[in-house]
Amino acid sequence: MEINKSARKLVCAMSLAFAFVGVNAFADAHEAPPPPGALEGFFCSYNDGKDRGDLDAATDFYQKQAAKAGIDLPDAFLWTANKGQVGVDIAWFNVYESLVAFGEADDASLGSTEMAATQARFDSVGSCNTVLGAVTPVYQGETEPAFDGSTSVATYACNLRPGVGFGSLGDLNDHIAAFNAGMGEDALSAVFQVVPQVGDQRTPDVVLFAVSEGTTAWTRHLNAIATTPAGQATARHFNAVLDCGVNLWRVEQIVGGE
């Protein structure tokens, strides 16, 4: 899809479904932690007369062209705006195991005539702003969401409070993980931290994804934050470190799925 170079927003969010071994496990074994994953995002608005049907047709073409080129496609997730001021119709996220894996895939696509044809096809469907982020898991529950369109993701696009450094995120992430681990049915399905790798002075310092099985599960979690001492303590810690805007999305997996 066509890239709008003068985009004003690097709005919230990127995408999910990682199965990483926790960083603490590597630390205990005195080994280097795993590198962060990478999320390549496209925040898009449909061109006049185009809709989801046109996007699905372009996606089918994209997968067929990749097969012709011998290129393995990354898992991809389609986000549809639910609540908030997102300024776009949809977001598309490609998920890579590392930033290096993204770089290799980007170079491979650039050198492929088949993939160039898919870019032209997507350009006819919508106009997009692109983003790239490094992602690490904060909390992973026992149940993985379905990613079938019923899954909700609340995105918190945040700047660090004045006088607060990136070093404060470790303690905050540990607090968020501990809170969710003790909340049973009111816990989120997963939490991910994304640090943008491209942008300008308007780009948020960090983005958090709060993944839940649906809107009911997310609002039940919000209620636990507001009504329990542990939740209130977590909220105070969060607000002391970060100043955030929040949006809510529906998510489905559109490429891959294993």
C-alpha atoms as a PDB file:
ATOM      1  CA  MET A   1       0.000   0.000   0.000  1.00  0.00           C
ATOM      2  CA  GLU A   2       1.193   3.508  -0.730  1.00  0.00           C
ATOM      3  CA  ILE A   3       3.378   4.999   2.008  1.00  0.00           C
ATOM      4  CA  ASN A   4       2.529   8.484   3.247  1.00  0.00           C
ATOM      5  CA  LYS A   5       5.984   9.923   4.021  1.00  0.00           C
ATOM      6  CA  SER A   6       4.540  12.989   5.768  1.00  0.00           C
ATOM      7  CA  ALA A   7       2.455  10.970   8.200  1.00  0.00           C
ATOM      8  CA  ARG A   8       1.784  12.733  11.492  1.00  0.00           C
ATOM      9  CA  LYS A   9       1.248   9.617  13.529  1.00  0.00           C
ATOM     10  CA  LEU A  10       3.207   6.622  14.553  1.00  0.00           C
ATOM     11  CA  VAL A  11       0.106   5.652  16.503  1.00  0.00           C
ATOM     12  CA  CYS A  12      -0.040   2.797  18.993  1.00  0.00           C
ATOM     13  CA  ALA A  13       0.602  -0.779  18.510  1.00  0.00           C
ATOM     14  CA  MET A  14       2.067  -3.490  16.510  1.00  0.00           C
ATOM     15  CA  SER A  15       1.416  -7.239  16.824  1.00  0.00           C
ATOM     16  CA  LEU A  16       1.751 -10.402  18.735  1.00  0.00           C
ATOM     17  CA  ALA A  17       1.953 -14.131  19.149  1.00  0.00           C
ATOM     18  CA  PHE A  18       5.511 -14.735  20.302  1.00  0.00           C
ATOM     19  CA  ALA A  19       6.616 -17.805  22.267  1.00  0.00           C
ATOM     20  CA  PHE A  20       9.836 -16.593  23.823  1.00  0.00           C
ATOM     21  CA  VAL A  21      11.665 -18.136  26.742  1.00  0.00           C
ATOM     22  CA  GLY A  22      11.610 -15.562  29.554  1.00  0.00           C
ATOM     23  CA  VAL A  23      14.609 -13.300  29.935  1.00  0.00           C
ATOM     24  CA  ASN A  24      14.982 -14.272  33.589  1.00  0.00           C
ATOM     25  CA  ALA A  25      15.551 -17.902  32.643  1.00  0.00           C
ATOM     26  CA  PHE A  26      18.512 -16.874  30.505  1.00  0.00           C
ATOM     27  CA  ALA A  27      19.859 -14.639  33.247  1.00  0.00           C
ATOM     28  CA  ASP A  28      19.696 -17.505  35.741  1.00  0.00           C
ATOM     29  CA  ALA A  29      21.710 -19.657  33.332  1.00  0.00           C
ATOM     30  CA  HIS A  30      24.293 -16.866  32.902  1.00  0.00           C
ATOM     31  CA  GLU A  31      23.584 -16.715  29.195  1.00  0.00           C
ATOM     32  CA  ALA A  32      22.819 -13.713  27.017  1.00  0.00           C
ATOM     33  CA  PRO A  33      19.097 -12.909  26.763  1.00  0.00           C
ATOM     34  CA  PRO A  34      17.404 -13.586  23.426  1.00  0.00           C
ATOM     35  CA  PRO A  35      17.264 -10.674  20.959  1.00  0.00           C
ATOM     36  CA  PRO A  36      13.957  -8.822  20.720  1.00  0.00           C
ATOM     37  CA  GLY A  37      11.523  -9.775  18.002  1.00  0.00           C
ATOM     38  CA  ALA A  38      10.574  -7.323  15.275  1.00  0.00           C
ATOM     39  CA  LEU A  39       7.213  -5.958  14.187  1.00  0.00           C
ATOM     40  CA  GLU A  40       6.773  -4.340  10.791  1.00  0.00           C
ATOM     41  CA  GLY A  41       3.528  -2.370  10.835  1.00  0.00           C
ATOM     42  CA  PHE A  42       1.330  -0.684   8.239  1.00  0.00           C
ATOM     43  CA  PHE A  43      -1.382   1.736   9.445  1.00  0.00           C
ATOM     44  CA  CYS A  44      -3.795   2.054   6.543  1.00  0.00           C
ATOM     45  CA  SER A  45      -6.934   3.729   5.232  1.00  0.00           C
ATOM     46  CA  TYR A  46      -8.821   2.223   2.303  1.00  0.00           C
ATOM     47  CA  ASN A  47      -8.771   4.076  -1.006  1.00  0.00           C
ATOM     48  CA  ASP A  48     -12.124   5.266  -2.355  1.00  0.00           C
ATOM     49  CA  GLY A  49     -14.251   2.309  -3.390  1.00  0.00           C
ATOM     50  CA  LYS A  50     -11.986  -0.269  -1.721  1.00  0.00           C
ATOM     51  CA  ASP A  51     -12.833  -2.474   1.247  1.00  0.00           C
ATOM     52  CA  ARG A  52     -11.930  -5.667   3.094  1.00  0.00           C
ATOM     53  CA  GLY A  53     -12.777  -7.803   0.076  1.00  0.00           C
ATOM     54  CA  ASP A  54     -10.128  -6.011  -1.972  1.00  0.00           C
ATOM     55  CA  LEU A  55      -7.613  -6.458   0.849  1.00  0.00           C
ATOM     56  CA  ASP A  56      -8.340 -10.194   1.038  1.00  0.00           C
ATOM     57  CA  ALA A  57      -7.821 -10.515  -2.734  1.00  0.00           C
ATOM     58  CA  ALA A  58      -4.505  -8.650  -2.482  1.00  0.00           C
ATOM     59  CA  THR A  59      -3.469 -10.893   0.409  1.00  0.00           C
ATOM     60  CA  ASP A  60      -4.156 -14.022  -1.653  1.00  0.00           C
ATOM     61  CA  PHE A  61      -2.078 -12.567  -4.493  1.00  0.00           C
ATOM     62  CA  TYR A  62       0.717 -11.723  -2.026  1.00  0.00           C
ATOM     63  CA  GLN A  63       0.888 -15.311  -0.797  1.00  0.00           C
ATOM     64  CA  LYS A  64       0.876 -16.761  -4.323  1.00  0.00           C
ATOM     65  CA  GLN A  65       3.626 -14.398  -5.482  1.00  0.00           C
ATOM     66  CA  ALA A  66       5.757 -15.240  -2.447  1.00  0.00           C
ATOM     67  CA  ALA A  67       5.410 -18.947  -3.272  1.00  0.00           C
ATOM     68  CA  LYS A  68       6.580 -18.254  -6.845  1.00  0.00           C
ATOM     69  CA  ALA A  69       9.567 -16.299  -5.528  1.00  0.00           C
ATOM     70  CA  GLY A  70      10.459 -18.969  -2.967  1.00  0.00           C
ATOM     71  CA  ILE A  71      10.065 -16.466  -0.127  1.00  0.00           C
ATOM     72  CA  ASP A  72       8.788 -17.593   3.275  1.00  0.00           C
ATOM     73  CA  LEU A  73       6.296 -15.031   4.520  1.00  0.00           C
ATOM     74  CA  PRO A  74       6.168 -13.922   8.159  1.00  0.00           C
ATOM     75  CA  ASP A  75       3.054 -14.450  10.221  1.00  0.00           C
ATOM     76  CA  ALA A  76       0.799 -11.433   9.757  1.00  0.00           C
ATOM     77  CA  PHE A  77      -2.035  -9.998  11.830  1.00  0.00           C
ATOM     78  CA  LEU A  78      -4.819  -7.657  10.760  1.00  0.00           C
ATOM     79  CA  TRP A  79      -6.023  -5.132  13.337  1.00  0.00           C
ATOM     80  CA  THR A  80      -9.374  -3.378  13.019  1.00  0.00           C
ATOM     81  CA  ALA A  81     -10.013  -0.222  15.014  1.00  0.00           C
ATOM     82  CA  ASN A  82     -12.584  -0.698  17.780  1.00  0.00           C
ATOM     83  CA  LYS A  83     -12.424   2.253  20.213  1.00  0.00           C
ATOM     84  CA  GLY A  84     -10.188   5.317  20.305  1.00  0.00           C
ATOM     85  CA  GLN A  85      -8.687   7.947  18.012  1.00  0.00           C
ATOM     86  CA  VAL A  86      -6.599   5.841  15.658  1.00  0.00           C
ATOM     87  CA  GLY A  87      -7.058   7.826  12.426  1.00  0.00           C
ATOM     88  CA  VAL A  88      -6.929   4.724  10.170  1.00  0.00           C
ATOM     89  CA  ASP A  89      -9.227   1.886   9.108  1.00  0.00           C
ATOM     90  CA  ILE A  90      -6.866  -1.016   9.753  1.00  0.00           C
ATOM     91  CA  ALA A  91      -3.337  -1.965  10.778  1.00  0.00           C
ATOM     92  CA  TRP A  92      -1.296  -4.862   9.391  1.00  0.00           C
ATOM     93  CA  PHE A  93       1.643  -6.326  11.328  1.00  0.00           C
ATOM     94  CA  ASN A  94       4.307  -8.741  10.144  1.00  0.00           C
ATOM     95  CA  VAL A  95       6.032 -10.626  12.968  1.00  0.00           C
ATOM     96  CA  TYR A  96       9.719 -11.600  12.789  1.00  0.00           C
ATOM     97  CA  GLU A  97      11.848 -13.495  15.302  1.00  0.00           C
ATOM     98  CA  SER A  98      14.452 -10.697  15.295  1.00  0.00           C
ATOM     99  CA  LEU A  99      15.366  -7.376  13.707  1.00  0.00           C
ATOM    100  CA  VAL A 100      17.975  -9.199  11.618  1.00  0.00           C
ATOM    101  CA  ALA A 101      15.288 -11.552  10.286  1.00  0.00           C
ATOM    102  CA  PHE A 102      13.240  -8.510   9.281  1.00  0.00           C
ATOM    103  CA  GLY A 103      16.258  -7.003   7.511  1.00  0.00           C
ATOM    104  CA  GLU A 104      16.915 -10.164   5.543  1.00  0.00           C
ATOM    105  CA  ALA A 105      13.256 -10.440   4.519  1.00  0.00           C
ATOM    106  CA  ASP A 106      13.136  -6.773   3.498  1.00  0.00           C
ATOM    107  CA  ASP A 107      16.195  -7.163   1.262  1.00  0.00           C
ATOM    108  CA  ALA A 108      14.819 -10.364  -0.274  1.00  0.00           C
ATOM    109  CA  SER A 109      11.511  -8.687  -1.133  1.00  0.00           C
ATOM    110  CA  LEU A 110      13.281  -5.662  -2.611  1.00  0.00           C
ATOM    111  CA  GLY A 111      15.193  -7.907  -5.007  1.00  0.00           C
ATOM    112  CA  SER A 112      12.108  -9.846  -6.163  1.00  0.00           C
ATOM    113  CA  THR A 113       9.996  -8.854  -9.173  1.00  0.00           C
ATOM    114  CA  GLU A 114       7.179 -11.054  -7.863  1.00  0.00           C
ATOM    115  CA  MET A 115       7.036  -9.149  -4.579  1.00  0.00           C
ATOM    116  CA  ALA A 116       7.207  -5.801  -6.391  1.00  0.00           C
ATOM    117  CA  ALA A 117       3.962  -6.772  -8.083  1.00  0.00           C
ATOM    118  CA  THR A 118       2.339  -7.396  -4.702  1.00  0.00           C
ATOM    119  CA  GLN A 119       3.348  -3.907  -3.539  1.00  0.00           C
ATOM    120  CA  ALA A 120       1.559  -2.398  -6.549  1.00  0.00           C
ATOM    121  CA  ARG A 121      -1.502  -4.499  -5.746  1.00  0.00           C
ATOM    122  CA  PHE A 122      -1.595  -3.292  -2.125  1.00  0.00           C
ATOM    123  CA  ASP A 123      -1.051   0.311  -3.288  1.00  0.00           C
ATOM    124  CA  SER A 124      -4.312   0.079  -5.212  1.00  0.00           C
ATOM    125  CA  VAL A 125      -6.184  -0.904  -2.051  1.00  0.00           C
ATOM    126  CA  GLY A 126      -5.069   1.688   0.504  1.00  0.00           C
ATOM    127  CA  SER A 127      -2.640   4.335   1.721  1.00  0.00           C
ATOM    128  CA  CYS A 128      -0.421   3.496   4.686  1.00  0.00           C
ATOM    129  CA  ASN A 129       2.130   4.766   7.152  1.00  0.00           C
ATOM    130  CA  THR A 130       4.817   2.243   8.057  1.00  0.00           C
ATOM    131  CA  VAL A 131       6.463   1.516  11.406  1.00  0.00           C
ATOM    132  CA  LEU A 132       9.119  -0.822  12.781  1.00  0.00           C
ATOM    133  CA  GLY A 133       9.508  -1.847  16.393  1.00  0.00           C
ATOM    134  CA  ALA A 134      11.564  -4.164  18.598  1.00  0.00           C
ATOM    135  CA  VAL A 135       9.261  -6.267  20.787  1.00  0.00           C
ATOM    136  CA  THR A 136       9.791  -8.253  23.981  1.00  0.00           C
ATOM    137  CA  PRO A 137       7.283 -10.155  26.131  1.00  0.00           C
ATOM    138  CA  VAL A 138       6.307  -8.724  29.511  1.00  0.00           C
ATOM    139  CA  TYR A 139       3.746 -11.343  30.556  1.00  0.00           C
ATOM    140  CA  GLN A 140       2.411 -14.516  28.940  1.00  0.00           C
ATOM    141  CA  GLY A 141      -0.677 -16.241  30.327  1.00  0.00           C
ATOM    142  CA  GLU A 142      -1.442 -19.932  30.023  1.00  0.00           C
ATOM    143  CA  THR A 143      -4.123 -19.531  27.321  1.00  0.00           C
ATOM    144  CA  GLU A 144      -3.239 -18.188  23.886  1.00  0.00           C
ATOM    145  CA  PRO A 145      -5.922 -16.008  22.273  1.00  0.00           C
ATOM    146  CA  ALA A 146      -7.707 -17.266  19.175  1.00  0.00           C
ATOM    147  CA  PHE A 147      -6.651 -14.352  16.902  1.00  0.00           C
ATOM    148  CA  ASP A 148      -9.823 -14.943  14.909  1.00  0.00           C
ATOM    149  CA  GLY A 149     -11.259 -11.417  15.105  1.00  0.00           C
ATOM    150  CA  SER A 150     -12.637 -11.832  18.622  1.00  0.00           C
ATOM    151  CA  THR A 151      -9.281 -11.104  20.288  1.00  0.00           C
ATOM    152  CA  SER A 152      -8.853  -7.602  21.739  1.00  0.00           C
ATOM    153  CA  VAL A 153      -5.638  -5.635  22.038  1.00  0.00           C
ATOM    154  CA  ALA A 154      -5.455  -2.422  24.031  1.00  0.00           C
ATOM    155  CA  THR A 155      -2.479  -0.366  22.868  1.00  0.00           C
ATOM    156  CA  TYR A 156      -0.785   2.073  25.219  1.00  0.00           C
ATOM    157  CA  ALA A 157       1.405   4.516  23.263  1.00  0.00           C
ATOM    158  CA  CYS A 158       3.556   6.108  25.962  1.00  0.00           C
ATOM    159  CA  ASN A 159       6.237   8.669  26.686  1.00  0.00           C
ATOM    160  CA  LEU A 160       8.462   8.443  29.729  1.00  0.00           C
ATOM    161  CA  ARG A 161       7.616  10.947  32.449  1.00  0.00           C
ATOM    162  CA  PRO A 162      10.085  13.852  32.881  1.00  0.00           C
ATOM    163  CA  GLY A 163      13.144  12.662  34.773  1.00  0.00           C
ATOM    164  CA  VAL A 164      12.347   8.969  34.144  1.00  0.00           C
ATOM    165  CA  GLY A 165      14.762   6.860  32.083  1.00  0.00           C
ATOM    166  CA  PHE A 166      14.365   3.657  30.113  1.00  0.00           C
ATOM    167  CA  GLY A 167      15.980   1.803  32.997  1.00  0.00           C
ATOM    168  CA  SER A 168      12.735   2.232  34.947  1.00  0.00           C
ATOM    169  CA  LEU A 169      10.844   0.027  32.490  1.00  0.00           C
ATOM    170  CA  GLY A 170      12.358  -3.184  33.859  1.00  0.00           C
ATOM    171  CA  ASP A 171      10.887  -2.733  37.330  1.00  0.00           C
ATOM    172  CA  LEU A 172       7.551  -1.632  35.876  1.00  0.00           C
ATOM    173  CA  ASN A 173       7.376  -4.645  33.564  1.00  0.00           C
ATOM    174  CA  ASP A 174       8.157  -6.961  36.480  1.00  0.00           C
ATOM    175  CA  HIS A 175       5.345  -5.315  38.474  1.00  0.00           C
ATOM    176  CA  ILE A 176       2.878  -5.722  35.578  1.00  0.00           C
ATOM    177  CA  ALA A 177       3.849  -9.392  35.164  1.00  0.00           C
ATOM    178  CA  ALA A 178       3.543 -10.113  38.900  1.00  0.00           C
ATOM    179  CA  PHE A 179       0.140  -8.421  39.085  1.00  0.00           C
ATOM    180  CA  ASN A 180      -1.224 -10.450  36.179  1.00  0.00           C
ATOM    181  CA  ALA A 181       0.243 -13.691  37.532  1.00  0.00           C
ATOM    182  CA  GLY A 182      -1.833 -13.248  40.682  1.00  0.00           C
ATOM    183  CA  MET A 183      -5.132 -12.189  39.084  1.00  0.00           C
ATOM    184  CA  GLY A 184      -6.471 -15.545  37.878  1.00  0.00           C
ATOM    185  CA  GLU A 185      -9.382 -15.083  35.471  1.00  0.00           C
ATOM    186  CA  ASP A 186      -8.932 -11.298  35.580  1.00  0.00           C
ATOM    187  CA  ALA A 187      -5.400 -11.485  34.140  1.00  0.00           C
ATOM    188  CA  LEU A 188      -4.602 -10.441  30.594  1.00  0.00           C
ATOM    189  CA  SER A 189      -3.718 -13.103  28.026  1.00  0.00           C
ATOM    190  CA  ALA A 190      -0.384 -11.423  27.318  1.00  0.00           C
ATOM    191  CA  VAL A 191       1.484  -8.136  27.544  1.00  0.00           C
ATOM    192  CA  PHE A 192       4.202  -7.043  25.084  1.00  0.00           C
ATOM    193  CA  GLN A 193       6.546  -4.083  25.090  1.00  0.00           C
ATOM    194  CA  VAL A 194       7.471  -2.449  21.777  1.00  0.00           C
ATOM    195  CA  VAL A 195      10.256   0.111  21.337  1.00  0.00           C
ATOM    196  CA  PRO A 196       9.978   1.965  17.987  1.00  0.00           C
ATOM    197  CA  GLN A 197      13.082   1.757  15.808  1.00  0.00           C
ATOM    198  CA  VAL A 198      12.065   4.480  13.335  1.00  0.00           C
ATOM    199  CA  GLY A 199      10.185   7.750  13.792  1.00  0.00           C
ATOM    200  CA  ASP A 200      10.621  11.388  14.761  1.00  0.00           C
ATOM    201  CA  GLN A 201      10.025  13.630  17.779  1.00  0.00           C
ATOM    202  CA  ARG A 202       6.350  12.675  17.769  1.00  0.00           C
ATOM    203  CA  THR A 203       7.107   8.953  18.017  1.00  0.00           C
ATOM    204  CA  PRO A 204       6.226   7.472  21.432  1.00  0.00           C
ATOM    205  CA  ASP A 205       9.069   6.192  23.594  1.00  0.00           C
ATOM    206  CA  VAL A 206       7.428   2.822  24.118  1.00  0.00           C
ATOM    207  CA  VAL A 207       4.175   1.019  23.250  1.00  0.00           C
ATOM    208  CA  LEU A 208       2.550  -1.666  25.402  1.00  0.00           C
ATOM    209  CA  PHE A 209       0.065  -4.212  24.023  1.00  0.00           C
ATOM    210  CA  ALA A 210      -2.446  -5.664  26.453  1.00  0.00           C
ATOM    211  CA  VAL A 211      -3.903  -8.785  24.800  1.00  0.00           C
ATOM    212  CA  SER A 212      -7.188 -10.272  26.000  1.00  0.00           C
ATOM    213  CA  GLU A 213      -9.741 -12.773  24.760  1.00  0.00           C
ATOM    214  CA  GLY A 214     -12.263  -9.991  24.090  1.00  0.00           C
ATOM    215  CA  THR A 215     -13.648  -6.697  25.345  1.00  0.00           C
ATOM    216  CA  THR A 216     -15.286  -8.333  28.364  1.00  0.00           C
ATOM    217  CA  ALA A 217     -11.969  -9.821  29.473  1.00  0.00           C
ATOM    218  CA  TRP A 218     -10.201  -6.481  29.060  1.00  0.00           C
ATOM    219  CA  THR A 219     -12.818  -4.526  31.015  1.00  0.00           C
ATOM    220  CA  ARG A 220     -12.777  -7.186  33.740  1.00  0.00           C
ATOM    221  CA  HIS A 221      -9.032  -6.584  33.995  1.00  0.00           C
ATOM    222  CA  LEU A 222      -9.593  -2.823  34.231  1.00  0.00           C
ATOM    223  CA  ASN A 223     -12.067  -3.423  37.043  1.00  0.00           C
ATOM    224  CA  ALA A 224      -9.451  -5.502  38.903  1.00  0.00           C
ATOM    225  CA  ILE A 225      -6.963  -2.649  38.568  1.00  0.00           C
ATOM    226  CA  ALA A 226      -9.464  -0.154  39.986  1.00  0.00           C
ATOM    227  CA  THR A 227     -10.853  -2.259  42.837  1.00  0.00           C
ATOM    228  CA  THR A 228      -7.935  -4.257  44.262  1.00  0.00           C
ATOM    229  CA  PRO A 229      -4.953  -3.004  46.302  1.00  0.00           C
ATOM    230  CA  ALA A 230      -2.557  -4.844  43.988  1.00  0.00           C
ATOM    231  CA  GLY A 231      -4.176  -3.259  40.942  1.00  0.00           C
ATOM    232  CA  GLN A 232      -4.113   0.225  42.428  1.00  0.00           C
ATOM    233  CA  ALA A 233      -0.433  -0.157  43.329  1.00  0.00           C
ATOM    234  CA  THR A 234       0.355  -1.292  39.785  1.00  0.00           C
ATOM    235  CA  ALA A 235      -1.561   1.667  38.346  1.00  0.00           C
ATOM    236  CA  ARG A 236       0.354   4.131  40.553  1.00  0.00           C
ATOM    237  CA  HIS A 237       3.661   2.633  39.421  1.00  0.00           C
ATOM    238  CA  PHE A 238       2.555   2.712  35.785  1.00  0.00           C
ATOM    239  CA  ASN A 239       1.432   6.351  35.941  1.00  0.00           C
ATOM    240  CA  ALA A 240       4.618   7.415  37.717  1.00  0.00           C
ATOM    241  CA  VAL A 241       6.730   6.061  34.848  1.00  0.00           C
ATOM    242  CA  LEU A 242       4.602   6.512  31.711  1.00  0.00           C
ATOM    243  CA  ASP A 243       2.173   9.013  30.172  1.00  0.00           C
ATOM    244  CA  CYS A 244       0.038   7.126  27.635  1.00  0.00           C
ATOM    245  CA  GLY A 245      -2.758   7.293  25.116  1.00  0.00           C
ATOM    246  CA  VAL A 246      -4.958   4.207  24.762  1.00  0.00           C
ATOM    247  CA  ASN A 247      -6.766   2.602  21.820  1.00  0.00           C
ATOM    248  CA  LEU A 248      -8.643  -0.691  21.464  1.00  0.00           C
ATOM    249  CA  TRP A 249      -8.437  -3.025  18.466  1.00  0.00           C
ATOM    250  CA  ARG A 250      -9.780  -6.376  17.232  1.00  0.00           C
ATOM    251  CA  VAL A 251      -7.123  -8.745  15.912  1.00  0.00           C
ATOM    252  CA  GLU A 252      -7.099 -11.704  13.551  1.00  0.00           C
ATOM    253  CA  GLN A 253      -4.279 -13.659  11.969  1.00  0.00           C
ATOM    254  CA  ILE A 254      -4.338 -13.139   8.215  1.00  0.00           C
ATOM    255  CA  VAL A 255      -1.144 -14.953   7.100  1.00  0.00           C
ATOM    256  CA  GLY A 256       0.270 -18.078   8.734  1.00  0.00           C
ATOM    257  CA  GLY A 257      -1.424 -19.456  11.801  1.00  0.00           C
ATOM    258  CA  GLU A 258       0.597 -22.440  12.932  1.00  0.00           C
END
